[in-house]
Amino acid sequence: MTVDLAEFDRALGDPFDPAAPLSFARSAESDRREEFPAEMCQELDRLGMPRLYVPVEHGGALARYDELLAALRLVARRDLTVAIGHGKTFLGGACVWLAGRPEQARALGADIVAGAPVAWGLTERGHGSDLLAGTMAATTEAGGYRVQGEKWLINNATRGDLICLLVRTRPEGGPRGFSLLLVDKRRLPRDRYRHLPKVLTHGIRGADISGFGMDDCPVPADALVGVEGGGLETVLKALQLTRTVCTALSLGAADQALRLAVEHAARRGLYGRTLVDLPHVRRTLGRAYASLFTAEIVSVFAARALHTAPEETSVISAVAKAYVPSRADELIMTCGELLGVRGFLTEYHEHGAFQKLDRDHRVVGIFDGSTFVSRHALINQFPLLARCHPAATADPAGVEHAADLTAPLPAPELDRLSLMAQGGCGLTQGLVSAARDLRALAVAGHASAWLAGLAEELSAHCDLLHEELAQFPPSSQFAPPEAFALARRFELCFAGAAALRVWLHNLRSGHDELWLEACLVHILRSLRPAEMPTDEEVFDRLFDALRSGASVGPPTTKGVR
């Protein structure tokens, strides 16, 4: 199924109309009351959004992860609380799509399509992201399990009809000591489970962030997802899906923040001119657009790679989850500085839309593996990345297919997901050949020599980085600060390589050098030594082109922008 994004956007209604189901006014009121946005989520149910959380083979409409990404971005652009609260059902079902029995997956798919919320119970009070420290235990009995313990800080823990729980099934724990149970509350004895109180939060105030406890509660044997002892491995693979999809939340928040900042700058009078006429403001906004375009490319490439290069998504998803929310945080902060006091007002300026998204977005970099956790997942693969880079052992076809946005995607083969990218990262391995291809276009007069030079500079940075990775000792859970600096540089090289590949493989959709130049300069300004110039006038040209109404930007999500 192909999603008509323009039609879906129209069906969501005009967010500026207070009477629309997903209006900024309704979102603000729900946030002030700290109430779950039930009516808005019901509207998404009515529009069929839950079908996108369920793979087609299990009765849903999820055939392409980039389509789910785009649809969730449209919702997040209106209200992050709604997008997070409603979209959590996809996260809750991910383990079942990976490891569940066919009949179990079909039954869950039918529940989700019918509008049943699903939660994912991983974390516990006091343990955070250390899943191996989890104490919720399931002991075997005739016909099933007895479960004892609590999960805490769980989205949809109270309102969810079903919850996928990671439970300890061996007293000693360990990598093979945990299993997954898909618990249907409707089948449990009411006196054996309880909901913990809603937790008050700085952002997403209306979301159901609470907990779930079980007191020697019987759970039927058919609740087991996959094999006993395989829970942690399944969760780590499922996180590759969910971390990728979560980037849609950041893109939606960044879209909204940048819109608010640009519109304010165009209206705000200052020194006899408008704010947007000031050179510094124009450059700041142009740089923000370049940042958004680069994050968008990383996000869409990662979603498409789930179909074309699943063996590499342990790297790709970690990069996407660390890079995209971090760039969105920076963009939102920049927009807040331009908005000034209007960015703090809760009612006066556009129903307080900016201060709400600013608060709401801070959680995106935390859940499903924080930026720290995602970078640590990348650090654990440094030896593979360093060893495979010179030999270019990854399959380049998967990278090219993901970057060619006109190429139809194959059905996702989730059984090909791996905990480690054994062949390394094809995107960074192919950067030298991509730069060579761009130079050939420049020689033939089809691209500028300046653009080719930027690509070659990025390729040189990437090769140097991998030389440093090869000298870096393997890290345990106590990776030094230097490792995280290397991980951030890898993200930058990855982002630049993704932008270059998307440009090269989509030339027939428009020969627009400006957005690629802006993206590469945006990346290189963080990779170059501080004293080197960064050619930032490209951001002026980018903003001027966008302000004039020119169709400028990567072709990654034309149906969304």
Protein backbone atom coordinates (compact mmCIF):
# COMPACT_ATOMS: atom_id res chain seq x y z
CA MET A 1 0.00 0.00 0.00
CA THR A 2 1.25 3.46 -0.88
CA VAL A 3 0.17 6.21 1.49
CA ASP A 4 -1.16 9.41 -0.06
CA LEU A 5 0.64 11.82 2.27
CA ALA A 6 -0.96 14.93 0.83
CA GLU A 7 -4.43 13.48 1.37
CA PHE A 8 -3.51 12.35 4.89
CA ASP A 9 -2.23 15.85 5.66
CA ARG A 10 -5.50 17.38 4.44
CA ALA A 11 -7.53 14.86 6.43
CA LEU A 12 -5.75 15.92 9.62
CA GLY A 13 -7.37 19.30 9.17
CA ASP A 14 -6.18 22.88 9.37
CA PRO A 15 -4.14 23.13 12.59
CA PHE A 16 -4.89 26.87 12.76
CA ASP A 17 -8.64 26.21 12.94
CA PRO A 18 -9.52 25.81 16.65
CA ALA A 19 -12.39 23.51 15.68
CA ALA A 20 -10.14 21.08 13.78
CA PRO A 21 -9.49 17.76 15.59
CA LEU A 22 -5.71 18.27 15.61
CA SER A 23 -5.57 22.03 16.04
CA PHE A 24 -2.89 23.95 17.90
CA ALA A 25 -5.60 25.38 20.15
CA ARG A 26 -6.83 21.92 21.20
CA SER A 27 -3.27 20.75 21.77
CA ALA A 28 -2.55 23.73 23.99
CA GLU A 29 -5.68 23.18 26.06
CA SER A 30 -4.93 19.48 26.53
CA ASP A 31 -1.38 20.35 27.57
CA ARG A 32 -2.54 22.95 30.11
CA ARG A 33 -4.90 20.43 31.70
CA GLU A 34 -2.27 17.66 31.51
CA GLU A 35 -4.95 15.46 29.99
CA PHE A 36 -4.36 12.65 27.54
CA PRO A 37 -5.39 13.90 24.04
CA ALA A 38 -8.00 11.19 23.66
CA GLU A 39 -10.14 12.92 21.03
CA MET A 40 -7.13 13.64 18.85
CA CYS A 41 -5.96 10.03 19.08
CA GLN A 42 -9.48 8.85 18.23
CA GLU A 43 -9.31 11.00 15.11
CA LEU A 44 -6.10 9.23 14.09
CA ASP A 45 -7.87 5.93 14.68
CA ARG A 46 -10.71 7.10 12.44
CA LEU A 47 -8.23 8.04 9.70
CA GLY A 48 -6.67 4.57 9.84
CA MET A 49 -3.32 5.53 11.33
CA PRO A 50 -3.12 2.30 13.42
CA ARG A 51 -2.99 0.28 10.20
CA LEU A 52 0.42 1.80 9.51
CA TYR A 53 1.75 0.25 12.72
CA VAL A 54 0.96 -3.28 11.50
CA PRO A 55 2.89 -5.01 8.68
CA VAL A 56 0.78 -6.01 5.71
CA GLU A 57 1.41 -9.70 6.34
CA HIS A 58 -0.29 -9.34 9.72
CA GLY A 59 -3.34 -7.50 8.46
CA GLY A 60 -2.15 -3.89 8.41
CA ALA A 61 -0.87 -1.40 5.87
CA LEU A 62 2.82 -1.13 6.85
CA ALA A 63 4.65 -1.98 3.64
CA ARG A 64 7.28 0.77 3.72
CA TYR A 65 8.96 2.22 6.77
CA ASP A 66 9.62 5.53 5.03
CA GLU A 67 5.84 5.95 4.65
CA LEU A 68 5.27 5.33 8.35
CA LEU A 69 8.04 7.84 9.06
CA ALA A 70 6.42 10.48 6.85
CA ALA A 71 2.93 10.00 8.29
CA LEU A 72 4.18 10.17 11.88
CA ARG A 73 6.15 13.32 11.00
CA LEU A 74 2.93 15.00 9.85
CA VAL A 75 1.26 14.20 13.17
CA ALA A 76 4.32 15.31 15.18
CA ARG A 77 4.30 18.61 13.31
CA ARG A 78 0.91 19.32 14.88
CA ASP A 79 1.36 17.83 18.34
CA LEU A 80 4.26 15.77 19.65
CA THR A 81 2.22 14.48 22.58
CA VAL A 82 -0.32 12.96 20.19
CA ALA A 83 2.39 11.52 17.95
CA ILE A 84 4.23 9.96 20.89
CA GLY A 85 1.13 8.68 22.67
CA HIS A 86 -0.45 7.21 19.56
CA GLY A 87 2.74 6.06 17.86
CA LYS A 88 3.82 4.13 20.95
CA THR A 89 1.59 1.30 19.75
CA PHE A 90 4.05 0.63 16.91
CA LEU A 91 6.84 0.34 19.46
CA GLY A 92 4.74 -1.99 21.58
CA GLY A 93 4.15 -4.33 18.66
CA ALA A 94 7.65 -4.33 17.16
CA CYS A 95 8.92 -7.37 19.07
CA VAL A 96 5.92 -9.40 17.95
CA TRP A 97 6.53 -8.49 14.30
CA LEU A 98 10.09 -9.74 14.74
CA ALA A 99 9.68 -12.90 16.77
CA GLY A 100 6.01 -13.63 17.39
CA ARG A 101 4.18 -16.68 16.12
CA PRO A 102 2.11 -16.01 12.98
CA GLU A 103 -1.19 -16.43 14.81
CA GLN A 104 0.05 -14.21 17.65
CA ALA A 105 1.08 -11.48 15.22
CA ARG A 106 -2.21 -11.68 13.33
CA ALA A 107 -4.21 -11.40 16.55
CA LEU A 108 -2.17 -8.41 17.72
CA GLY A 109 -2.50 -6.83 14.29
CA ALA A 110 -6.29 -7.15 14.45
CA ASP A 111 -6.33 -5.56 17.91
CA ILE A 112 -4.19 -2.63 16.77
CA VAL A 113 -6.20 -2.01 13.61
CA ALA A 114 -9.30 -1.95 15.80
CA GLY A 115 -7.71 0.82 17.87
CA ALA A 116 -6.27 -1.05 20.85
CA PRO A 117 -3.28 0.84 22.38
CA VAL A 118 -0.17 -1.25 23.05
CA ALA A 119 2.66 -0.48 25.48
CA TRP A 120 6.26 -1.68 25.68
CA GLY A 121 7.45 -2.48 29.18
CA LEU A 122 11.23 -2.44 29.26
CA THR A 123 12.43 -0.08 31.97
CA GLU A 124 12.16 -0.30 35.75
CA ARG A 125 12.56 2.13 38.60
CA GLY A 126 16.23 2.44 39.50
CA HIS A 127 17.58 0.54 36.47
CA GLY A 128 16.91 2.89 33.53
CA SER A 129 18.41 1.63 30.29
CA ASP A 130 20.29 -1.21 32.01
CA LEU A 131 17.91 -3.92 30.80
CA LEU A 132 20.06 -6.71 32.24
CA ALA A 133 19.32 -5.35 35.73
CA GLY A 134 15.58 -5.82 35.31
CA THR A 135 13.88 -7.65 38.19
CA MET A 136 10.34 -8.28 36.92
CA ALA A 137 10.38 -12.07 36.98
CA ALA A 138 8.31 -14.78 35.32
CA THR A 139 8.40 -18.29 36.77
CA THR A 140 7.10 -21.27 34.83
CA GLU A 141 3.99 -23.09 35.98
CA ALA A 142 1.53 -25.47 34.39
CA GLY A 143 -0.13 -23.64 31.51
CA GLY A 144 2.02 -20.55 31.62
CA TYR A 145 3.87 -18.20 33.97
CA ARG A 146 3.57 -16.33 37.24
CA VAL A 147 4.84 -12.77 36.96
CA GLN A 148 5.99 -10.55 39.80
CA GLY A 149 7.38 -7.02 39.63
CA GLU A 150 6.94 -3.55 38.18
CA LYS A 151 7.75 -1.65 35.02
CA TRP A 152 8.01 2.10 35.35
CA LEU A 153 8.11 5.21 33.15
CA ILE A 154 6.16 3.34 30.49
CA ASN A 155 4.24 5.18 27.79
CA ASN A 156 0.64 3.89 27.57
CA ALA A 157 1.17 1.70 30.65
CA THR A 158 -2.29 2.55 32.02
CA ARG A 159 -4.36 3.05 28.89
CA GLY A 160 -2.78 0.23 26.88
CA ASP A 161 -4.92 -2.90 26.48
CA LEU A 162 -1.78 -4.93 25.82
CA ILE A 163 1.78 -4.57 27.00
CA CYS A 164 4.89 -6.36 25.73
CA LEU A 165 7.00 -7.06 28.82
CA LEU A 166 10.68 -7.94 29.12
CA VAL A 167 10.82 -10.32 32.09
CA ARG A 168 13.55 -12.26 33.85
CA THR A 169 13.02 -15.99 33.25
CA ARG A 170 16.28 -17.19 34.79
CA PRO A 171 17.10 -16.13 38.34
CA GLU A 172 20.71 -15.39 37.39
CA GLY A 173 19.65 -13.22 34.48
CA GLY A 174 22.28 -12.63 31.82
CA PRO A 175 21.88 -12.22 28.05
CA ARG A 176 19.82 -15.42 27.81
CA GLY A 177 17.98 -14.89 31.06
CA PHE A 178 15.17 -12.68 29.76
CA SER A 179 12.06 -13.37 27.72
CA LEU A 180 9.18 -11.39 26.24
CA LEU A 181 5.54 -11.79 27.18
CA LEU A 182 2.71 -10.09 25.28
CA VAL A 183 0.33 -9.54 28.16
CA ASP A 184 -3.33 -8.88 27.39
CA LYS A 185 -4.79 -7.11 30.43
CA ARG A 186 -8.25 -8.17 29.37
CA ARG A 187 -7.29 -11.78 30.12
CA LEU A 188 -5.71 -11.15 33.54
CA PRO A 189 -7.36 -11.48 36.95
CA ARG A 190 -8.10 -7.90 38.00
CA ASP A 191 -6.72 -8.29 41.51
CA ARG A 192 -3.30 -9.44 40.28
CA TYR A 193 -2.17 -6.38 38.34
CA ARG A 194 -2.17 -2.66 39.02
CA HIS A 195 -1.44 0.62 37.32
CA LEU A 196 1.08 2.94 38.92
CA PRO A 197 0.27 6.67 39.17
CA LYS A 198 0.84 8.95 36.22
CA VAL A 199 4.21 10.68 36.44
CA LEU A 200 4.22 14.45 36.04
CA THR A 201 6.58 15.47 33.26
CA HIS A 202 8.06 18.73 31.97
CA GLY A 203 7.02 17.99 28.38
CA ILE A 204 4.36 15.72 26.83
CA ARG A 205 2.30 16.62 29.90
CA GLY A 206 -0.81 14.85 28.65
CA ALA A 207 0.90 11.58 27.79
CA ASP A 208 0.22 8.45 29.83
CA ILE A 209 3.66 8.07 31.40
CA SER A 210 3.04 5.72 34.28
CA GLY A 211 3.83 2.17 35.31
CA PHE A 212 2.48 -1.35 35.52
CA GLY A 213 2.81 -3.84 38.35
CA MET A 214 2.01 -7.57 38.59
CA ASP A 215 1.57 -9.44 41.85
CA ASP A 216 2.10 -13.17 41.37
CA CYS A 217 -0.09 -12.76 38.30
CA PRO A 218 -0.84 -15.76 36.07
CA VAL A 219 -0.04 -15.25 32.38
CA PRO A 220 -0.92 -17.90 29.78
CA ALA A 221 1.84 -19.74 27.95
CA ASP A 222 0.73 -18.37 24.58
CA ALA A 223 1.82 -14.90 25.72
CA LEU A 224 5.48 -15.86 25.11
CA VAL A 225 6.98 -13.94 22.18
CA GLY A 226 9.65 -15.92 20.38
CA VAL A 227 11.71 -18.38 22.39
CA GLU A 228 12.31 -18.35 26.11
CA GLY A 229 15.62 -16.64 26.78
CA GLY A 230 15.54 -14.72 23.51
CA GLY A 231 13.95 -11.57 24.89
CA LEU A 232 17.00 -9.32 25.05
CA GLU A 233 18.14 -10.16 21.52
CA THR A 234 14.66 -9.50 20.16
CA VAL A 235 14.45 -6.18 22.01
CA LEU A 236 17.82 -5.05 20.65
CA LYS A 237 16.72 -5.86 17.11
CA ALA A 238 13.34 -4.22 17.62
CA LEU A 239 15.11 -1.07 18.78
CA GLN A 240 16.64 -0.83 15.31
CA LEU A 241 13.10 -0.37 13.97
CA THR A 242 11.83 1.92 16.69
CA ARG A 243 14.91 4.17 16.85
CA THR A 244 14.60 4.73 13.13
CA VAL A 245 10.89 5.55 13.28
CA CYS A 246 11.38 7.85 16.31
CA THR A 247 13.34 10.27 14.14
CA ALA A 248 10.00 11.29 12.58
CA LEU A 249 9.12 12.95 15.88
CA SER A 250 12.19 15.16 15.69
CA LEU A 251 11.54 16.08 12.07
CA GLY A 252 7.98 17.10 12.87
CA ALA A 253 9.10 19.24 15.82
CA ALA A 254 11.83 20.86 13.72
CA ASP A 255 9.35 21.59 10.91
CA GLN A 256 7.08 23.40 13.33
CA ALA A 257 9.87 25.28 15.12
CA LEU A 258 11.35 26.54 11.87
CA ARG A 259 7.94 27.61 10.54
CA LEU A 260 7.27 29.63 13.68
CA ALA A 261 10.69 31.27 13.55
CA VAL A 262 10.53 32.15 9.84
CA GLU A 263 7.01 33.58 10.05
CA HIS A 264 7.91 35.63 13.12
CA ALA A 265 11.08 36.96 11.46
CA ALA A 266 9.10 37.95 8.37
CA ARG A 267 6.54 39.92 10.44
CA ARG A 268 8.66 41.37 13.21
CA GLY A 269 9.62 45.02 12.62
CA LEU A 270 13.05 46.09 13.85
CA TYR A 271 15.13 49.21 13.10
CA GLY A 272 12.81 50.17 10.26
CA ARG A 273 13.14 46.76 8.63
CA THR A 274 11.82 43.29 9.29
CA LEU A 275 13.85 40.85 11.34
CA VAL A 276 14.33 38.57 8.35
CA ASP A 277 16.13 41.37 6.47
CA LEU A 278 18.99 41.35 8.97
CA PRO A 279 21.99 39.48 7.51
CA HIS A 280 22.64 37.51 10.68
CA VAL A 281 19.03 36.32 10.85
CA ARG A 282 19.00 35.28 7.19
CA ARG A 283 22.15 33.25 7.67
CA THR A 284 20.89 31.70 10.87
CA LEU A 285 17.67 30.58 9.20
CA GLY A 286 19.51 29.31 6.13
CA ARG A 287 21.77 27.26 8.38
CA ALA A 288 18.72 25.91 10.19
CA TYR A 289 17.21 24.75 6.90
CA ALA A 290 20.47 23.01 5.97
CA SER A 291 20.42 21.27 9.34
CA LEU A 292 16.81 20.16 8.83
CA PHE A 293 17.51 18.90 5.30
CA THR A 294 20.49 16.87 6.51
CA ALA A 295 18.52 15.33 9.38
CA GLU A 296 15.68 14.55 6.99
CA ILE A 297 18.02 12.72 4.63
CA VAL A 298 19.53 10.65 7.45
CA SER A 299 16.06 9.75 8.70
CA VAL A 300 14.62 8.75 5.33
CA PHE A 301 17.77 6.89 4.30
CA ALA A 302 17.69 4.92 7.56
CA ALA A 303 14.02 4.00 7.04
CA ARG A 304 14.66 2.82 3.49
CA ALA A 305 17.76 0.89 4.60
CA LEU A 306 15.53 -1.28 6.80
CA HIS A 307 14.36 -2.73 3.48
CA THR A 308 17.59 -2.68 1.48
CA ALA A 309 20.41 -3.15 4.01
CA PRO A 310 18.95 -4.72 7.18
CA GLU A 311 22.30 -6.30 8.06
CA GLU A 312 23.69 -2.79 8.61
CA THR A 313 20.89 -1.21 10.60
CA SER A 314 22.57 -1.86 13.95
CA VAL A 315 24.88 0.97 12.84
CA ILE A 316 22.41 3.00 10.79
CA SER A 317 19.67 3.12 13.43
CA ALA A 318 22.14 4.08 16.17
CA VAL A 319 23.47 6.93 14.01
CA ALA A 320 19.96 8.12 13.11
CA LYS A 321 18.71 8.08 16.71
CA ALA A 322 21.75 10.00 17.96
CA TYR A 323 22.05 12.44 15.05
CA VAL A 324 18.50 13.48 14.20
CA PRO A 325 17.14 14.35 17.70
CA SER A 326 20.40 16.14 18.55
CA ARG A 327 20.19 18.29 15.42
CA ALA A 328 16.52 19.00 16.12
CA ASP A 329 17.37 20.10 19.67
CA GLU A 330 19.95 22.53 18.29
CA LEU A 331 17.53 23.82 15.65
CA ILE A 332 14.78 24.35 18.22
CA MET A 333 17.17 26.26 20.46
CA THR A 334 18.19 28.47 17.52
CA CYS A 335 14.55 29.16 16.65
CA GLY A 336 13.82 29.97 20.28
CA GLU A 337 16.55 32.60 20.27
CA LEU A 338 14.99 34.24 17.20
CA LEU A 339 11.50 34.14 18.71
CA GLY A 340 12.71 35.76 21.92
CA VAL A 341 10.06 36.10 24.61
CA ARG A 342 7.40 34.67 22.27
CA GLY A 343 9.12 31.33 22.57
CA PHE A 344 8.29 31.25 26.29
CA LEU A 345 4.69 32.45 26.21
CA THR A 346 2.06 29.78 26.80
CA GLU A 347 -0.94 31.53 25.27
CA TYR A 348 -0.12 34.75 23.44
CA HIS A 349 1.86 33.53 20.43
CA GLU A 350 0.11 30.81 18.37
CA HIS A 351 -1.39 29.18 21.48
CA GLY A 352 2.09 28.69 22.94
CA ALA A 353 2.98 26.21 20.20
CA PHE A 354 6.72 26.83 20.44
CA GLN A 355 7.16 26.47 24.17
CA LYS A 356 5.12 23.26 24.03
CA LEU A 357 7.16 21.65 21.25
CA ASP A 358 10.36 22.81 22.96
CA ARG A 359 9.35 20.98 26.14
CA ASP A 360 7.89 17.99 24.33
CA HIS A 361 10.86 17.32 22.10
CA ARG A 362 13.35 16.95 24.93
CA VAL A 363 12.06 13.45 25.61
CA VAL A 364 12.74 12.20 22.07
CA GLY A 365 16.47 12.05 22.61
CA ILE A 366 15.90 9.97 25.74
CA PHE A 367 13.50 7.15 24.96
CA ASP A 368 14.26 3.96 22.98
CA GLY A 369 17.90 4.49 23.80
CA SER A 370 19.18 7.94 24.69
CA THR A 371 21.77 9.73 22.60
CA PHE A 372 24.38 8.38 25.01
CA VAL A 373 23.08 4.80 24.65
CA SER A 374 22.82 5.06 20.87
CA ARG A 375 26.38 6.34 20.59
CA HIS A 376 27.54 3.56 22.88
CA ALA A 377 25.89 1.04 20.55
CA LEU A 378 27.95 2.57 17.74
CA ILE A 379 31.15 2.56 19.81
CA ASN A 380 30.74 -1.18 20.38
CA GLN A 381 31.04 -1.62 16.61
CA PHE A 382 34.16 0.52 16.13
CA PRO A 383 36.43 -2.53 15.57
CA LEU A 384 34.15 -3.82 12.80
CA LEU A 385 33.79 -0.41 11.20
CA ALA A 386 37.55 0.18 11.21
CA ARG A 387 38.42 -3.28 9.89
CA CYS A 388 35.84 -3.29 7.11
CA HIS A 389 36.29 0.29 5.85
CA PRO A 390 39.51 -0.14 3.80
CA ALA A 391 38.30 -3.38 2.22
CA ALA A 392 34.76 -2.02 1.56
CA THR A 393 33.22 -5.35 2.55
CA ALA A 394 29.61 -4.14 2.75
CA ASP A 395 27.26 -4.68 -0.17
CA PRO A 396 27.05 -1.35 -2.07
CA ALA A 397 23.77 -2.34 -3.72
CA GLY A 398 21.83 -1.83 -0.50
CA VAL A 399 23.16 1.72 -0.12
CA GLU A 400 22.42 2.63 -3.72
CA HIS A 401 18.91 1.20 -3.51
CA ALA A 402 18.15 3.10 -0.32
CA ALA A 403 19.46 6.35 -1.81
CA ASP A 404 17.51 6.01 -5.07
CA LEU A 405 14.17 7.40 -3.94
CA THR A 406 12.44 6.36 -7.14
CA ALA A 407 13.36 2.70 -6.73
CA PRO A 408 10.56 0.51 -5.35
CA LEU A 409 11.45 -1.00 -1.99
CA PRO A 410 11.46 -4.75 -1.41
CA ALA A 411 9.41 -6.18 1.43
CA PRO A 412 11.34 -5.85 4.69
CA GLU A 413 13.05 -9.06 5.76
CA LEU A 414 13.25 -8.53 9.49
CA ASP A 415 14.93 -11.90 10.02
CA ARG A 416 18.03 -10.37 8.39
CA LEU A 417 18.46 -7.83 11.20
CA SER A 418 21.71 -8.37 13.07
CA LEU A 419 23.08 -7.17 16.39
CA MET A 420 26.38 -6.27 14.69
CA ALA A 421 27.05 -5.00 11.16
CA GLN A 422 29.50 -7.72 10.16
CA GLY A 423 30.35 -6.04 6.86
CA GLY A 424 30.66 -2.56 8.32
CA CYS A 425 28.84 0.48 6.98
CA GLY A 426 28.35 0.56 3.22
CA LEU A 427 27.48 4.25 3.15
CA THR A 428 30.75 5.46 4.65
CA GLN A 429 32.75 2.80 2.79
CA GLY A 430 31.34 4.10 -0.49
CA LEU A 431 32.04 7.76 0.20
CA VAL A 432 35.28 7.80 -1.78
CA SER A 433 33.54 6.37 -4.86
CA ALA A 434 30.63 8.81 -4.46
CA ALA A 435 33.08 11.72 -4.34
CA ARG A 436 34.78 10.32 -7.44
CA ASP A 437 31.44 10.14 -9.26
CA LEU A 438 30.72 13.76 -8.40
CA ARG A 439 34.16 14.82 -9.66
CA ALA A 440 33.44 13.04 -12.96
CA LEU A 441 30.18 14.98 -13.25
CA ALA A 442 32.10 18.20 -12.60
CA VAL A 443 34.65 17.38 -15.31
CA ALA A 444 31.79 16.72 -17.73
CA GLY A 445 30.23 20.07 -16.86
CA HIS A 446 27.23 18.60 -15.02
CA ALA A 447 28.25 19.77 -11.55
CA SER A 448 30.44 22.48 -10.08
CA ALA A 449 34.07 21.85 -9.24
CA TRP A 450 33.43 23.56 -5.90
CA LEU A 451 30.79 20.96 -4.97
CA ALA A 452 33.12 18.14 -5.99
CA GLY A 453 35.81 19.63 -3.76
CA LEU A 454 33.46 19.61 -0.77
CA ALA A 455 32.67 15.93 -1.35
CA GLU A 456 36.36 15.06 -1.58
CA GLU A 457 37.06 16.93 1.64
CA LEU A 458 34.32 14.98 3.39
CA SER A 459 35.74 11.72 2.04
CA ALA A 460 39.18 12.61 3.39
CA HIS A 461 37.70 13.34 6.83
CA CYS A 462 35.92 9.98 6.75
CA ASP A 463 39.10 8.05 5.88
CA LEU A 464 41.02 9.83 8.63
CA LEU A 465 38.27 9.02 11.12
CA HIS A 466 38.46 5.31 10.31
CA GLU A 467 42.22 5.36 10.77
CA GLU A 468 41.60 6.72 14.26
CA LEU A 469 38.92 4.09 14.89
CA ALA A 470 41.44 1.38 14.00
CA GLN A 471 43.81 2.70 16.69
CA PHE A 472 41.09 2.93 19.31
CA PRO A 473 41.01 -0.02 21.74
CA PRO A 474 37.79 -2.03 21.98
CA SER A 475 35.47 -0.53 24.58
CA SER A 476 33.42 -2.11 27.32
CA GLN A 477 30.46 -0.39 28.95
CA PHE A 478 32.98 2.11 30.33
CA ALA A 479 33.88 3.81 27.06
CA PRO A 480 36.02 6.95 27.55
CA PRO A 481 34.84 10.41 26.49
CA GLU A 482 37.09 10.29 23.43
CA ALA A 483 35.02 7.41 22.06
CA PHE A 484 31.87 9.52 22.09
CA ALA A 485 33.66 12.30 20.22
CA LEU A 486 34.61 9.75 17.56
CA ALA A 487 31.03 8.51 17.42
CA ARG A 488 29.78 12.04 16.79
CA ARG A 489 32.30 12.48 13.97
CA PHE A 490 31.10 9.21 12.47
CA GLU A 491 27.52 10.53 12.54
CA LEU A 492 28.65 13.65 10.67
CA CYS A 493 30.46 11.63 8.00
CA PHE A 494 27.45 9.35 7.68
CA ALA A 495 25.08 12.31 7.28
CA GLY A 496 27.25 13.94 4.62
CA ALA A 497 27.61 10.65 2.75
CA ALA A 498 23.84 10.13 2.83
CA ALA A 499 23.23 13.61 1.40
CA LEU A 500 25.76 13.03 -1.37
CA ARG A 501 24.32 9.64 -2.27
CA VAL A 502 20.75 10.94 -2.36
CA TRP A 503 21.84 13.77 -4.66
CA LEU A 504 23.76 11.45 -6.99
CA HIS A 505 21.01 8.85 -7.29
CA ASN A 506 18.18 11.31 -7.87
CA LEU A 507 19.60 13.69 -10.45
CA ARG A 508 16.64 13.02 -12.74
CA SER A 509 14.31 14.56 -10.13
CA GLY A 510 16.04 17.93 -10.39
CA HIS A 511 19.60 19.24 -10.74
CA ASP A 512 19.61 21.31 -7.56
CA GLU A 513 23.15 21.76 -6.25
CA LEU A 514 22.22 24.35 -3.66
CA TRP A 515 20.75 22.06 -1.04
CA LEU A 516 23.64 19.59 -1.32
CA GLU A 517 26.22 22.35 -1.05
CA ALA A 518 24.46 23.71 2.04
CA CYS A 519 24.27 20.26 3.64
CA LEU A 520 27.95 19.51 2.99
CA VAL A 521 29.06 22.90 4.32
CA HIS A 522 26.84 22.37 7.36
CA ILE A 523 28.57 19.03 8.00
CA LEU A 524 32.10 20.22 7.26
CA ARG A 525 31.84 23.24 9.58
CA SER A 526 31.69 20.70 12.44
CA LEU A 527 34.49 18.49 11.07
CA ARG A 528 36.98 21.21 10.18
CA PRO A 529 39.36 22.74 12.71
CA ALA A 530 37.85 25.82 14.34
CA GLU A 531 40.19 28.24 12.58
CA MET A 532 39.25 27.11 9.05
CA PRO A 533 36.64 29.09 7.07
CA THR A 534 33.30 27.42 6.53
CA ASP A 535 31.95 29.12 3.37
CA GLU A 536 28.72 29.98 5.17
CA GLU A 537 27.42 32.37 2.51
CA VAL A 538 25.74 29.31 1.02
CA PHE A 539 23.22 29.54 3.85
CA ASP A 540 22.29 33.05 2.69
CA ARG A 541 21.68 31.76 -0.83
CA LEU A 542 19.67 28.82 0.48
CA PHE A 543 17.39 30.98 2.58
CA ASP A 544 16.94 33.55 -0.19
CA ALA A 545 15.93 30.80 -2.60
CA LEU A 546 13.45 29.32 -0.15
CA ARG A 547 12.04 32.72 0.71
CA SER A 548 11.47 33.44 -2.98
CA GLY A 549 9.33 30.32 -3.24
CA ALA A 550 11.83 28.27 -5.24
CA SER A 551 11.52 24.51 -4.99
CA VAL A 552 14.79 23.88 -3.19
CA GLY A 553 15.66 20.92 -1.02
CA PRO A 554 16.29 17.20 -1.08
CA PRO A 555 13.65 14.99 -2.71
CA THR A 556 13.42 12.79 0.38
CA THR A 557 9.96 13.82 1.56
CA LYS A 558 8.34 16.02 -1.05
CA GLY A 559 4.93 14.80 0.05
CA VAL A 560 5.57 16.08 3.57
CA ARG A 561 7.39 19.39 3.16
